[in-house]
Amino acid sequence: DFGKARNAFVDKIEAMPEADFLIWFDADDTLLTPNALKRMFYSPYKVFGVLIETEGLTWVHHRAWKTKLGINFSGKIHEYPVLGDYDTFVFNNIVIHHDAAPGVGESSNSRNLRILEAELEENPNDSRTAFYLANTHRDAGRYVEAIKYYDIRIKIGMGYFDEWITAYLYKGRC
């Protein structure tokens, strides 16, 4: 449960009275533009997005926020911060490279599949879990299984619009 582990980290940071910001990384992340982080500390915004790049793709991910906002992570895998109604600002000049190379032992695809299937069984209406479960099958070339989970994601409804519309696109490609 990666979300639970991240929340333990959040709790530790939140308990530190001198901590004003929380910035998080994965073990296989490299901050390519460390000097650009300085601007974040002078921003009137409370939640910040940065650019994540991996395998030729780039997207925005919320990786930093001011402390004491009550932000926590959801999801056992592909966990994400639940940001509430806070205004966010995207720093297009802060770039994190995410390696995403498989680790030692169980492949990341097998691990993700195992965790996501258990999570969807616990909460069958979790749109993000259905979406990432479909992507995990797609990434492994299991297109029939991917289509099944893209259908589940689409049926759940809009929720995260980008994932909902992308589910149609990826389903079509499968």
N, C-alpha and C. Protein backbone atom coordinates (compact mmCIF):
# COMPACT_ATOMS: atom_id res chain seq x y z
N ASP A 1 0.85 -1.18 0.00
CA ASP A 1 0.00 0.00 0.00
C ASP A 1 0.90 1.24 0.00
N PHE A 2 1.21 1.72 -1.19
CA PHE A 2 2.12 2.86 -1.33
C PHE A 2 1.48 4.14 -0.79
N GLY A 3 0.17 4.28 -0.93
CA GLY A 3 -0.51 5.46 -0.39
C GLY A 3 -0.37 5.54 1.12
N LYS A 4 -0.50 4.40 1.78
CA LYS A 4 -0.36 4.36 3.24
C LYS A 4 1.06 4.76 3.65
N ALA A 5 2.04 4.27 2.91
CA ALA A 5 3.44 4.62 3.20
C ALA A 5 3.67 6.12 2.99
N ARG A 6 3.13 6.66 1.93
CA ARG A 6 3.28 8.10 1.69
C ARG A 6 2.59 8.92 2.78
N ASN A 7 1.45 8.44 3.25
CA ASN A 7 0.74 9.16 4.31
C ASN A 7 1.52 9.15 5.61
N ALA A 8 2.27 8.08 5.87
CA ALA A 8 3.13 8.06 7.06
C ALA A 8 4.20 9.15 6.93
N PHE A 9 4.74 9.31 5.73
CA PHE A 9 5.72 10.36 5.45
C PHE A 9 5.08 11.74 5.65
N VAL A 10 3.87 11.92 5.12
CA VAL A 10 3.15 13.21 5.27
C VAL A 10 2.93 13.52 6.74
N ASP A 11 2.52 12.52 7.50
CA ASP A 11 2.28 12.73 8.94
C ASP A 11 3.55 13.20 9.65
N LYS A 12 4.70 12.62 9.30
CA LYS A 12 5.97 13.02 9.92
C LYS A 12 6.30 14.47 9.58
N ILE A 13 6.14 14.84 8.32
CA ILE A 13 6.43 16.22 7.90
C ILE A 13 5.46 17.19 8.57
N GLU A 14 4.18 16.84 8.58
CA GLU A 14 3.16 17.72 9.17
C GLU A 14 3.40 17.95 10.67
N ALA A 15 4.03 16.99 11.33
CA ALA A 15 4.29 17.11 12.77
C ALA A 15 5.48 18.02 13.06
N MET A 16 6.21 18.41 12.05
CA MET A 16 7.38 19.27 12.24
C MET A 16 6.95 20.73 12.12
N PRO A 17 6.96 21.48 13.22
CA PRO A 17 6.49 22.87 13.16
C PRO A 17 7.30 23.75 12.21
N GLU A 18 8.55 23.40 11.98
CA GLU A 18 9.39 24.23 11.11
C GLU A 18 9.23 23.90 9.62
N ALA A 19 8.47 22.86 9.29
CA ALA A 19 8.29 22.48 7.88
C ALA A 19 7.19 23.33 7.25
N ASP A 20 7.53 24.05 6.21
CA ASP A 20 6.57 24.91 5.51
C ASP A 20 6.07 24.28 4.21
N PHE A 21 6.88 23.39 3.62
CA PHE A 21 6.53 22.78 2.36
C PHE A 21 6.77 21.28 2.42
N LEU A 22 6.01 20.55 1.62
CA LEU A 22 6.23 19.12 1.44
C LEU A 22 6.45 18.90 -0.05
N ILE A 23 7.55 18.28 -0.38
CA ILE A 23 7.88 17.93 -1.76
C ILE A 23 8.21 16.44 -1.76
N TRP A 24 7.60 15.69 -2.64
CA TRP A 24 7.85 14.25 -2.63
C TRP A 24 8.36 13.74 -3.97
N PHE A 25 9.14 12.66 -3.87
CA PHE A 25 9.75 12.01 -5.03
C PHE A 25 9.61 10.51 -4.88
N ASP A 26 9.70 9.81 -6.00
CA ASP A 26 9.84 8.36 -5.99
C ASP A 26 11.33 8.05 -5.91
N ALA A 27 11.65 6.82 -5.54
CA ALA A 27 13.06 6.42 -5.43
C ALA A 27 13.77 6.50 -6.78
N ASP A 28 13.04 6.35 -7.87
CA ASP A 28 13.65 6.39 -9.19
C ASP A 28 13.44 7.73 -9.91
N ASP A 29 13.22 8.79 -9.15
CA ASP A 29 13.08 10.14 -9.69
C ASP A 29 14.39 10.90 -9.60
N THR A 30 14.63 11.76 -10.57
CA THR A 30 15.76 12.68 -10.54
C THR A 30 15.24 14.08 -10.85
N LEU A 31 15.50 15.01 -9.96
CA LEU A 31 15.11 16.41 -10.18
C LEU A 31 16.12 17.01 -11.15
N LEU A 32 15.67 17.35 -12.36
CA LEU A 32 16.56 17.86 -13.39
C LEU A 32 16.81 19.37 -13.27
N THR A 33 15.93 20.07 -12.55
CA THR A 33 16.02 21.53 -12.47
C THR A 33 15.94 21.99 -11.01
N PRO A 34 16.92 21.65 -10.18
CA PRO A 34 16.81 21.96 -8.74
C PRO A 34 16.73 23.46 -8.44
N ASN A 35 17.39 24.30 -9.22
CA ASN A 35 17.35 25.74 -8.93
C ASN A 35 15.97 26.34 -9.15
N ALA A 36 15.16 25.72 -9.99
CA ALA A 36 13.82 26.24 -10.27
C ALA A 36 12.89 26.09 -9.06
N LEU A 37 13.22 25.21 -8.14
CA LEU A 37 12.38 25.01 -6.95
C LEU A 37 12.27 26.27 -6.10
N LYS A 38 13.27 27.11 -6.13
CA LYS A 38 13.30 28.30 -5.28
C LYS A 38 12.07 29.19 -5.49
N ARG A 39 11.58 29.29 -6.71
CA ARG A 39 10.42 30.14 -7.01
C ARG A 39 9.18 29.67 -6.24
N MET A 40 9.10 28.39 -5.99
CA MET A 40 7.94 27.83 -5.30
C MET A 40 7.76 28.47 -3.92
N PHE A 41 8.85 28.76 -3.25
CA PHE A 41 8.78 29.26 -1.89
C PHE A 41 8.23 30.68 -1.79
N TYR A 42 8.16 31.38 -2.91
CA TYR A 42 7.67 32.75 -2.92
C TYR A 42 6.29 32.87 -3.56
N SER A 43 5.70 31.77 -3.91
CA SER A 43 4.41 31.77 -4.61
C SER A 43 3.25 31.94 -3.63
N PRO A 44 2.21 32.65 -4.02
CA PRO A 44 1.02 32.77 -3.16
C PRO A 44 0.15 31.51 -3.20
N TYR A 45 0.42 30.60 -4.13
CA TYR A 45 -0.36 29.36 -4.24
C TYR A 45 0.02 28.39 -3.14
N LYS A 46 -0.83 27.39 -2.93
CA LYS A 46 -0.58 26.42 -1.85
C LYS A 46 -0.20 25.04 -2.37
N VAL A 47 -0.58 24.73 -3.61
CA VAL A 47 -0.33 23.40 -4.18
C VAL A 47 0.34 23.60 -5.54
N PHE A 48 1.35 22.76 -5.82
CA PHE A 48 2.17 22.97 -7.00
C PHE A 48 2.30 21.71 -7.85
N GLY A 49 2.14 21.90 -9.14
CA GLY A 49 2.39 20.85 -10.11
C GLY A 49 3.75 21.07 -10.74
N VAL A 50 4.37 19.99 -11.14
CA VAL A 50 5.65 20.03 -11.85
C VAL A 50 5.54 19.09 -13.05
N LEU A 51 6.53 19.12 -13.91
CA LEU A 51 6.53 18.23 -15.06
C LEU A 51 7.27 16.94 -14.73
N ILE A 52 6.64 15.84 -15.06
CA ILE A 52 7.26 14.52 -14.93
C ILE A 52 7.54 14.03 -16.34
N GLU A 53 8.73 13.54 -16.57
CA GLU A 53 9.06 12.99 -17.88
C GLU A 53 9.55 11.56 -17.71
N THR A 54 9.09 10.71 -18.59
CA THR A 54 9.55 9.31 -18.61
C THR A 54 9.26 8.72 -19.97
N GLU A 55 10.19 7.98 -20.48
CA GLU A 55 10.03 7.24 -21.73
C GLU A 55 9.44 8.11 -22.84
N GLY A 56 9.91 9.35 -22.96
CA GLY A 56 9.47 10.24 -24.03
C GLY A 56 8.16 10.96 -23.78
N LEU A 57 7.52 10.72 -22.65
CA LEU A 57 6.26 11.39 -22.31
C LEU A 57 6.50 12.42 -21.22
N THR A 58 5.69 13.47 -21.23
CA THR A 58 5.75 14.49 -20.18
C THR A 58 4.34 14.81 -19.75
N TRP A 59 4.13 14.92 -18.44
CA TRP A 59 2.81 15.28 -17.91
C TRP A 59 2.98 16.04 -16.61
N VAL A 60 1.89 16.70 -16.19
CA VAL A 60 1.90 17.45 -14.94
C VAL A 60 1.49 16.53 -13.80
N HIS A 61 2.21 16.64 -12.70
CA HIS A 61 1.88 15.87 -11.50
C HIS A 61 2.06 16.78 -10.30
N HIS A 62 1.15 16.72 -9.36
CA HIS A 62 1.25 17.55 -8.16
C HIS A 62 2.20 16.88 -7.19
N ARG A 63 3.35 17.50 -7.00
CA ARG A 63 4.41 16.92 -6.20
C ARG A 63 4.80 17.78 -5.00
N ALA A 64 4.14 18.94 -4.80
CA ALA A 64 4.53 19.80 -3.69
C ALA A 64 3.33 20.61 -3.22
N TRP A 65 3.34 20.92 -1.93
CA TRP A 65 2.31 21.79 -1.35
C TRP A 65 2.80 22.34 -0.03
N LYS A 66 2.14 23.42 0.38
CA LYS A 66 2.44 23.99 1.69
C LYS A 66 1.88 23.04 2.75
N THR A 67 2.56 22.94 3.86
CA THR A 67 2.13 22.02 4.92
C THR A 67 0.89 22.56 5.63
N LYS A 68 0.34 21.71 6.46
CA LYS A 68 -0.82 22.02 7.32
C LYS A 68 -2.11 22.24 6.51
N LEU A 69 -2.21 21.59 5.33
CA LEU A 69 -3.41 21.71 4.50
C LEU A 69 -4.30 20.49 4.60
N GLY A 70 -3.82 19.44 5.26
CA GLY A 70 -4.61 18.21 5.38
C GLY A 70 -4.61 17.35 4.13
N ILE A 71 -3.63 17.53 3.26
CA ILE A 71 -3.54 16.74 2.02
C ILE A 71 -2.92 15.39 2.34
N ASN A 72 -3.57 14.33 1.85
CA ASN A 72 -3.07 12.97 2.01
C ASN A 72 -3.17 12.24 0.68
N PHE A 73 -2.59 11.05 0.64
CA PHE A 73 -2.58 10.24 -0.57
C PHE A 73 -3.70 9.21 -0.56
N SER A 74 -4.19 8.90 -1.75
CA SER A 74 -5.18 7.86 -1.93
C SER A 74 -4.64 6.87 -2.95
N GLY A 75 -5.03 5.63 -2.82
CA GLY A 75 -4.60 4.60 -3.76
C GLY A 75 -3.45 3.78 -3.22
N LYS A 76 -3.55 2.48 -3.40
CA LYS A 76 -2.50 1.58 -2.94
C LYS A 76 -1.30 1.59 -3.88
N ILE A 77 -1.57 1.89 -5.14
CA ILE A 77 -0.51 1.98 -6.14
C ILE A 77 -0.91 3.07 -7.12
N HIS A 78 0.03 3.69 -7.76
CA HIS A 78 -0.24 4.90 -8.55
C HIS A 78 -1.00 5.88 -7.67
N GLU A 79 -0.55 5.94 -6.42
CA GLU A 79 -1.18 6.80 -5.43
C GLU A 79 -1.09 8.26 -5.85
N TYR A 80 -2.02 9.04 -5.38
CA TYR A 80 -2.07 10.43 -5.78
C TYR A 80 -2.54 11.27 -4.59
N PRO A 81 -2.06 12.51 -4.51
CA PRO A 81 -2.50 13.37 -3.42
C PRO A 81 -3.93 13.87 -3.66
N VAL A 82 -4.75 13.82 -2.64
CA VAL A 82 -6.11 14.36 -2.71
C VAL A 82 -6.00 15.82 -2.29
N LEU A 83 -6.16 16.72 -3.25
CA LEU A 83 -5.81 18.12 -3.07
C LEU A 83 -6.94 19.00 -2.56
N GLY A 84 -8.14 18.48 -2.55
CA GLY A 84 -9.26 19.31 -2.11
C GLY A 84 -9.51 20.44 -3.10
N ASP A 85 -9.95 21.58 -2.61
CA ASP A 85 -10.30 22.71 -3.46
C ASP A 85 -9.22 23.77 -3.55
N TYR A 86 -8.00 23.42 -3.21
CA TYR A 86 -6.92 24.41 -3.23
C TYR A 86 -6.56 24.79 -4.66
N ASP A 87 -6.31 26.07 -4.87
CA ASP A 87 -5.81 26.54 -6.16
C ASP A 87 -4.40 25.98 -6.34
N THR A 88 -4.10 25.60 -7.56
CA THR A 88 -2.78 25.04 -7.84
C THR A 88 -2.07 25.87 -8.89
N PHE A 89 -0.78 25.76 -8.90
CA PHE A 89 0.04 26.43 -9.91
C PHE A 89 1.01 25.40 -10.46
N VAL A 90 1.14 25.36 -11.78
CA VAL A 90 2.06 24.43 -12.43
C VAL A 90 3.34 25.17 -12.80
N PHE A 91 4.45 24.66 -12.29
CA PHE A 91 5.76 25.18 -12.66
C PHE A 91 6.27 24.37 -13.85
N ASN A 92 6.17 24.95 -15.04
CA ASN A 92 6.60 24.26 -16.26
C ASN A 92 8.12 24.19 -16.38
N ASN A 93 8.83 24.86 -15.49
CA ASN A 93 10.29 24.82 -15.54
C ASN A 93 10.88 23.90 -14.47
N ILE A 94 10.03 23.23 -13.70
CA ILE A 94 10.52 22.22 -12.75
C ILE A 94 10.24 20.86 -13.38
N VAL A 95 11.31 20.12 -13.64
CA VAL A 95 11.19 18.86 -14.37
C VAL A 95 11.82 17.74 -13.54
N ILE A 96 11.05 16.67 -13.37
CA ILE A 96 11.51 15.47 -12.68
C ILE A 96 11.52 14.33 -13.70
N HIS A 97 12.66 13.67 -13.83
CA HIS A 97 12.74 12.48 -14.68
C HIS A 97 12.39 11.27 -13.82
N HIS A 98 11.41 10.49 -14.28
CA HIS A 98 11.00 9.25 -13.60
C HIS A 98 11.55 8.09 -14.41
N ASP A 99 12.45 7.31 -13.81
CA ASP A 99 13.15 6.24 -14.51
C ASP A 99 12.21 5.12 -14.93
N ALA A 100 11.39 4.61 -14.03
CA ALA A 100 10.40 3.56 -14.31
C ALA A 100 11.00 2.25 -14.79
N ALA A 101 12.29 2.03 -14.56
CA ALA A 101 12.90 0.76 -14.94
C ALA A 101 12.47 -0.33 -13.96
N PRO A 102 12.25 -1.55 -14.44
CA PRO A 102 11.85 -2.61 -13.52
C PRO A 102 12.91 -2.88 -12.45
N GLY A 103 12.47 -3.22 -11.26
CA GLY A 103 13.37 -3.50 -10.16
C GLY A 103 13.79 -4.96 -10.14
N VAL A 104 14.36 -5.37 -9.05
CA VAL A 104 14.82 -6.74 -8.87
C VAL A 104 13.67 -7.57 -8.32
N GLY A 105 13.57 -8.81 -8.73
CA GLY A 105 12.52 -9.69 -8.20
C GLY A 105 11.27 -9.60 -9.05
N GLU A 106 10.13 -9.50 -8.40
CA GLU A 106 8.85 -9.42 -9.09
C GLU A 106 8.85 -8.22 -10.04
N SER A 107 8.38 -8.41 -11.26
CA SER A 107 8.34 -7.29 -12.20
C SER A 107 7.35 -6.24 -11.70
N SER A 108 7.59 -4.99 -12.08
CA SER A 108 6.68 -3.93 -11.63
C SER A 108 5.28 -4.16 -12.20
N ASN A 109 5.18 -4.73 -13.40
CA ASN A 109 3.87 -5.00 -13.98
C ASN A 109 3.12 -6.04 -13.16
N SER A 110 3.79 -7.12 -12.78
CA SER A 110 3.15 -8.17 -11.96
C SER A 110 2.75 -7.63 -10.60
N ARG A 111 3.64 -6.86 -9.98
CA ARG A 111 3.34 -6.27 -8.68
C ARG A 111 2.15 -5.33 -8.78
N ASN A 112 2.16 -4.44 -9.77
CA ASN A 112 1.06 -3.49 -9.93
C ASN A 112 -0.25 -4.21 -10.18
N LEU A 113 -0.22 -5.23 -11.01
CA LEU A 113 -1.43 -6.00 -11.32
C LEU A 113 -2.00 -6.63 -10.06
N ARG A 114 -1.15 -7.25 -9.27
CA ARG A 114 -1.59 -7.90 -8.03
C ARG A 114 -2.23 -6.89 -7.08
N ILE A 115 -1.59 -5.75 -6.89
CA ILE A 115 -2.10 -4.74 -5.96
C ILE A 115 -3.38 -4.10 -6.49
N LEU A 116 -3.40 -3.77 -7.77
CA LEU A 116 -4.57 -3.11 -8.35
C LEU A 116 -5.80 -4.01 -8.36
N GLU A 117 -5.61 -5.30 -8.66
CA GLU A 117 -6.75 -6.23 -8.64
C GLU A 117 -7.35 -6.31 -7.24
N ALA A 118 -6.50 -6.38 -6.21
CA ALA A 118 -7.00 -6.44 -4.83
C ALA A 118 -7.72 -5.14 -4.47
N GLU A 119 -7.17 -4.01 -4.92
CA GLU A 119 -7.79 -2.72 -4.60
C GLU A 119 -9.14 -2.56 -5.30
N LEU A 120 -9.25 -2.99 -6.54
CA LEU A 120 -10.53 -2.89 -7.25
C LEU A 120 -11.57 -3.82 -6.65
N GLU A 121 -11.12 -4.96 -6.15
CA GLU A 121 -12.05 -5.87 -5.48
C GLU A 121 -12.60 -5.23 -4.21
N GLU A 122 -11.74 -4.51 -3.48
CA GLU A 122 -12.17 -3.79 -2.27
C GLU A 122 -13.13 -2.66 -2.59
N ASN A 123 -12.86 -1.93 -3.68
CA ASN A 123 -13.67 -0.77 -4.05
C ASN A 123 -13.93 -0.82 -5.56
N PRO A 124 -14.99 -1.54 -5.98
CA PRO A 124 -15.23 -1.73 -7.41
C PRO A 124 -15.63 -0.47 -8.17
N ASN A 125 -15.90 0.63 -7.49
CA ASN A 125 -16.27 1.87 -8.16
C ASN A 125 -15.15 2.90 -8.16
N ASP A 126 -13.94 2.46 -7.90
CA ASP A 126 -12.79 3.37 -7.89
C ASP A 126 -12.30 3.55 -9.33
N SER A 127 -12.60 4.70 -9.89
CA SER A 127 -12.30 4.94 -11.31
C SER A 127 -10.80 4.92 -11.59
N ARG A 128 -10.01 5.47 -10.70
CA ARG A 128 -8.55 5.50 -10.93
C ARG A 128 -7.97 4.10 -10.92
N THR A 129 -8.43 3.26 -10.00
CA THR A 129 -7.91 1.90 -9.92
C THR A 129 -8.26 1.14 -11.20
N ALA A 130 -9.50 1.28 -11.67
CA ALA A 130 -9.91 0.60 -12.92
C ALA A 130 -9.05 1.08 -14.09
N PHE A 131 -8.80 2.38 -14.15
CA PHE A 131 -7.99 2.95 -15.23
C PHE A 131 -6.57 2.40 -15.20
N TYR A 132 -5.95 2.39 -14.03
CA TYR A 132 -4.57 1.92 -13.94
C TYR A 132 -4.48 0.40 -14.10
N LEU A 133 -5.50 -0.31 -13.71
CA LEU A 133 -5.52 -1.75 -13.94
C LEU A 133 -5.58 -2.03 -15.45
N ALA A 134 -6.41 -1.28 -16.16
CA ALA A 134 -6.47 -1.42 -17.62
C ALA A 134 -5.11 -1.10 -18.24
N ASN A 135 -4.48 -0.01 -17.79
CA ASN A 135 -3.17 0.38 -18.33
C ASN A 135 -2.11 -0.69 -18.06
N THR A 136 -2.18 -1.31 -16.89
CA THR A 136 -1.21 -2.35 -16.55
C THR A 136 -1.34 -3.53 -17.50
N HIS A 137 -2.58 -3.93 -17.80
CA HIS A 137 -2.78 -5.01 -18.79
C HIS A 137 -2.31 -4.57 -20.17
N ARG A 138 -2.64 -3.32 -20.56
CA ARG A 138 -2.23 -2.82 -21.87
C ARG A 138 -0.72 -2.83 -22.01
N ASP A 139 -0.03 -2.33 -20.96
CA ASP A 139 1.43 -2.27 -21.00
C ASP A 139 2.08 -3.64 -21.16
N ALA A 140 1.38 -4.68 -20.70
CA ALA A 140 1.91 -6.04 -20.81
C ALA A 140 1.43 -6.74 -22.08
N GLY A 141 0.69 -6.01 -22.93
CA GLY A 141 0.20 -6.60 -24.17
C GLY A 141 -1.02 -7.48 -24.00
N ARG A 142 -1.68 -7.41 -22.86
CA ARG A 142 -2.90 -8.19 -22.61
C ARG A 142 -4.11 -7.30 -22.95
N TYR A 143 -4.36 -7.14 -24.25
CA TYR A 143 -5.33 -6.16 -24.74
C TYR A 143 -6.78 -6.53 -24.43
N VAL A 144 -7.13 -7.80 -24.47
CA VAL A 144 -8.50 -8.21 -24.15
C VAL A 144 -8.82 -7.86 -22.69
N GLU A 145 -7.89 -8.16 -21.78
CA GLU A 145 -8.08 -7.82 -20.38
C GLU A 145 -8.13 -6.31 -20.19
N ALA A 146 -7.29 -5.58 -20.93
CA ALA A 146 -7.27 -4.12 -20.83
C ALA A 146 -8.62 -3.54 -21.23
N ILE A 147 -9.18 -4.04 -22.32
CA ILE A 147 -10.49 -3.54 -22.79
C ILE A 147 -11.55 -3.75 -21.71
N LYS A 148 -11.53 -4.88 -21.04
CA LYS A 148 -12.49 -5.16 -19.96
C LYS A 148 -12.43 -4.06 -18.89
N TYR A 149 -11.23 -3.69 -18.48
CA TYR A 149 -11.09 -2.70 -17.42
C TYR A 149 -11.29 -1.28 -17.92
N TYR A 150 -10.97 -1.01 -19.19
CA TYR A 150 -11.33 0.31 -19.74
C TYR A 150 -12.84 0.47 -19.76
N ASP A 151 -13.56 -0.62 -20.09
CA ASP A 151 -15.03 -0.57 -20.06
C ASP A 151 -15.54 -0.27 -18.66
N ILE A 152 -14.93 -0.89 -17.66
CA ILE A 152 -15.32 -0.63 -16.26
C ILE A 152 -15.06 0.84 -15.94
N ARG A 153 -13.90 1.34 -16.32
CA ARG A 153 -13.55 2.75 -16.05
C ARG A 153 -14.55 3.69 -16.71
N ILE A 154 -14.88 3.44 -17.95
CA ILE A 154 -15.83 4.29 -18.69
C ILE A 154 -17.20 4.25 -18.04
N LYS A 155 -17.63 3.07 -17.64
CA LYS A 155 -18.95 2.90 -17.02
C LYS A 155 -19.05 3.64 -15.68
N ILE A 156 -17.99 3.72 -14.93
CA ILE A 156 -18.00 4.41 -13.63
C ILE A 156 -18.37 5.88 -13.82
N GLY A 157 -17.99 6.48 -14.93
CA GLY A 157 -18.36 7.87 -15.19
C GLY A 157 -17.17 8.79 -15.21
N MET A 158 -17.45 10.05 -15.46
CA MET A 158 -16.40 11.01 -15.75
C MET A 158 -15.36 11.14 -14.64
N GLY A 159 -15.70 11.54 -13.45
CA GLY A 159 -14.69 11.68 -12.40
C GLY A 159 -13.50 12.50 -12.86
N TYR A 160 -12.34 11.86 -12.98
CA TYR A 160 -11.16 12.52 -13.55
C TYR A 160 -11.32 12.50 -15.05
N PHE A 161 -11.66 13.65 -15.62
CA PHE A 161 -12.01 13.74 -17.04
C PHE A 161 -10.90 13.19 -17.94
N ASP A 162 -9.63 13.53 -17.62
CA ASP A 162 -8.54 13.10 -18.49
C ASP A 162 -8.44 11.58 -18.54
N GLU A 163 -8.67 10.91 -17.42
CA GLU A 163 -8.61 9.44 -17.41
C GLU A 163 -9.83 8.85 -18.13
N TRP A 164 -10.97 9.47 -17.95
CA TRP A 164 -12.21 8.97 -18.58
C TRP A 164 -12.09 9.03 -20.10
N ILE A 165 -11.66 10.17 -20.63
CA ILE A 165 -11.55 10.32 -22.08
C ILE A 165 -10.41 9.47 -22.63
N THR A 166 -9.32 9.36 -21.86
CA THR A 166 -8.18 8.54 -22.30
C THR A 166 -8.56 7.06 -22.31
N ALA A 167 -9.46 6.65 -21.42
CA ALA A 167 -9.91 5.25 -21.42
C ALA A 167 -10.55 4.90 -22.77
N TYR A 168 -11.32 5.82 -23.34
CA TYR A 168 -11.90 5.58 -24.68
C TYR A 168 -10.80 5.44 -25.72
N LEU A 169 -9.82 6.33 -25.68
CA LEU A 169 -8.72 6.31 -26.65
C LEU A 169 -7.93 5.01 -26.53
N TYR A 170 -7.51 4.66 -25.32
CA TYR A 170 -6.71 3.45 -25.13
C TYR A 170 -7.50 2.19 -25.45
N LYS A 171 -8.79 2.19 -25.12
CA LYS A 171 -9.64 1.04 -25.46
C LYS A 171 -9.65 0.85 -26.98
N GLY A 172 -9.80 1.93 -27.70
CA GLY A 172 -9.80 1.86 -29.17
C GLY A 172 -8.48 1.34 -29.71
N ARG A 173 -7.39 1.76 -29.11
CA ARG A 173 -6.08 1.28 -29.56
C ARG A 173 -5.88 -0.20 -29.26
N CYS A 174 -6.46 -0.67 -28.16
CA CYS A 174 -6.34 -2.10 -27.81
C CYS A 174 -7.14 -2.94 -28.80
